Amino acid sequence: MEDIVPVFVVAIVFSFAYGIIHLLVRRKERMVLIEKGADASLLVTKPNFNYYALKIGLLCIGVAVGVIIGATLVETTTLNDEAAYFSMIFLFGGIGLVVSHFLEKKERKEML
């Protein structure tokens, strides 16, 4: 675990630096467009209906429920540890992704 920490620190620093540079470049591009008198509609960004956070959140909830149910199965049945944990993690993780799909589908219909 101690060997992975520097990798995460470097990744976080580079991603933070990339984000700042990206924002500064985008700001500079917008300023140039404004100075040249370009159409203001070019500066308006369209909303991106990306449900990535919903998918990840429901997947994590499903995995957590799977771990809890897997632990319960290990304690109450004769299933071995690996079968109980992995089957429940995949089952409830998949259920979380399916629920995410249907929520996203319903939300997109309401937006149109």
Protein backbone atom coordinates (compact mmCIF):
# COMPACT_ATOMS: atom_id res chain seq x y z
CA MET A 1 0.00 0.00 0.00
CA GLU A 2 2.82 2.40 0.79
CA ASP A 3 4.23 1.92 -2.71
CA ILE A 4 1.02 3.15 -4.34
CA VAL A 5 0.76 6.44 -2.44
CA PRO A 6 3.40 8.33 -4.51
CA VAL A 7 1.68 7.24 -7.72
CA PHE A 8 -1.64 8.64 -6.50
CA VAL A 9 -0.01 11.87 -5.33
CA VAL A 10 1.66 12.39 -8.71
CA ALA A 11 -1.59 11.59 -10.54
CA ILE A 12 -3.53 14.07 -8.40
CA VAL A 13 -0.94 16.82 -8.91
CA PHE A 14 -0.87 16.33 -12.68
CA SER A 15 -4.65 16.21 -12.97
CA PHE A 16 -4.96 19.38 -10.89
CA ALA A 17 -2.36 21.14 -13.04
CA TYR A 18 -4.10 19.97 -16.22
CA GLY A 19 -7.43 21.31 -14.99
CA ILE A 20 -5.99 24.72 -14.19
CA ILE A 21 -4.17 24.96 -17.53
CA HIS A 22 -7.30 23.87 -19.37
CA LEU A 23 -9.38 26.55 -17.63
CA LEU A 24 -6.81 29.25 -18.37
CA VAL A 25 -6.58 28.31 -22.04
CA ARG A 26 -10.36 28.24 -22.36
CA ARG A 27 -10.61 31.64 -20.70
CA LYS A 28 -8.01 33.06 -23.07
CA GLU A 29 -9.89 31.66 -26.08
CA ARG A 30 -13.11 33.26 -24.87
CA MET A 31 -11.40 36.61 -24.37
CA VAL A 32 -10.00 36.50 -27.92
CA LEU A 33 -13.47 35.71 -29.29
CA ILE A 34 -14.98 38.61 -27.36
CA GLU A 35 -12.25 41.00 -28.56
CA LYS A 36 -12.83 39.99 -32.18
CA GLY A 37 -16.57 40.57 -31.76
CA ALA A 38 -17.58 36.98 -32.41
CA ASP A 39 -21.13 35.84 -31.89
CA ALA A 40 -21.94 35.36 -28.20
CA SER A 41 -23.72 32.09 -28.95
CA LEU A 42 -20.29 30.50 -29.50
CA LEU A 43 -19.49 31.06 -25.83
CA VAL A 44 -22.60 29.31 -24.55
CA THR A 45 -21.94 25.68 -23.79
CA LYS A 46 -24.71 23.20 -24.27
CA PRO A 47 -25.60 21.20 -21.17
CA ASN A 48 -23.99 17.79 -21.19
CA PHE A 49 -26.45 15.25 -19.89
CA ASN A 50 -23.86 12.84 -18.63
CA TYR A 51 -25.04 10.57 -15.87
CA TYR A 52 -21.59 9.30 -14.98
CA ALA A 53 -21.91 10.25 -11.29
CA LEU A 54 -25.27 8.49 -11.05
CA LYS A 55 -23.85 5.34 -12.61
CA ILE A 56 -20.81 5.28 -10.33
CA GLY A 57 -22.91 6.08 -7.26
CA LEU A 58 -25.42 3.33 -7.90
CA LEU A 59 -22.63 0.90 -8.75
CA CYS A 60 -20.88 1.66 -5.45
CA ILE A 61 -24.14 1.29 -3.53
CA GLY A 62 -24.75 -2.03 -5.28
CA VAL A 63 -21.25 -3.28 -4.47
CA ALA A 64 -21.64 -2.25 -0.82
CA VAL A 65 -24.97 -4.05 -0.55
CA GLY A 66 -23.37 -7.04 -2.28
CA VAL A 67 -20.57 -7.16 0.29
CA ILE A 68 -23.05 -6.97 3.15
CA ILE A 69 -25.29 -9.68 1.68
CA GLY A 70 -22.20 -11.79 0.87
CA ALA A 71 -21.03 -11.56 4.47
CA THR A 72 -24.48 -12.55 5.64
CA LEU A 73 -24.46 -15.55 3.29
CA VAL A 74 -21.05 -16.66 4.55
CA GLU A 75 -22.27 -16.56 8.14
CA THR A 76 -25.66 -18.20 7.58
CA THR A 77 -25.04 -20.75 4.82
CA THR A 78 -22.41 -23.27 3.82
CA LEU A 79 -21.25 -21.23 0.80
CA ASN A 80 -17.54 -20.59 0.70
CA ASP A 81 -16.29 -17.01 1.05
CA GLU A 82 -15.34 -16.37 -2.58
CA ALA A 83 -18.60 -17.62 -4.06
CA ALA A 84 -20.76 -15.66 -1.64
CA TYR A 85 -18.86 -12.37 -1.92
CA PHE A 86 -18.21 -12.35 -5.67
CA SER A 87 -21.70 -13.49 -6.64
CA MET A 88 -23.38 -10.87 -4.47
CA ILE A 89 -21.00 -8.07 -5.51
CA PHE A 90 -21.61 -8.75 -9.21
CA LEU A 91 -25.35 -9.28 -8.71
CA PHE A 92 -25.99 -6.07 -6.80
CA GLY A 93 -23.44 -4.06 -8.79
CA GLY A 94 -25.26 -5.11 -11.95
CA ILE A 95 -28.61 -4.25 -10.42
CA GLY A 96 -27.23 -0.80 -9.59
CA LEU A 97 -26.16 -0.26 -13.20
CA VAL A 98 -29.53 -1.45 -14.54
CA VAL A 99 -31.37 0.91 -12.17
CA SER A 100 -29.04 3.70 -13.34
CA HIS A 101 -29.92 2.93 -16.95
CA PHE A 102 -33.65 3.13 -16.34
CA LEU A 103 -33.37 6.34 -14.29
CA GLU A 104 -31.25 7.91 -17.03
CA LYS A 105 -33.70 6.78 -19.71
CA LYS A 106 -36.64 8.23 -17.77
CA GLU A 107 -34.83 11.52 -17.19
CA ARG A 108 -33.89 11.88 -20.85
CA LYS A 109 -37.54 11.34 -21.89
CA GLU A 110 -38.65 14.08 -19.49
CA MET A 111 -36.06 16.51 -20.87
CA LEU A 112 -37.20 16.11 -24.46
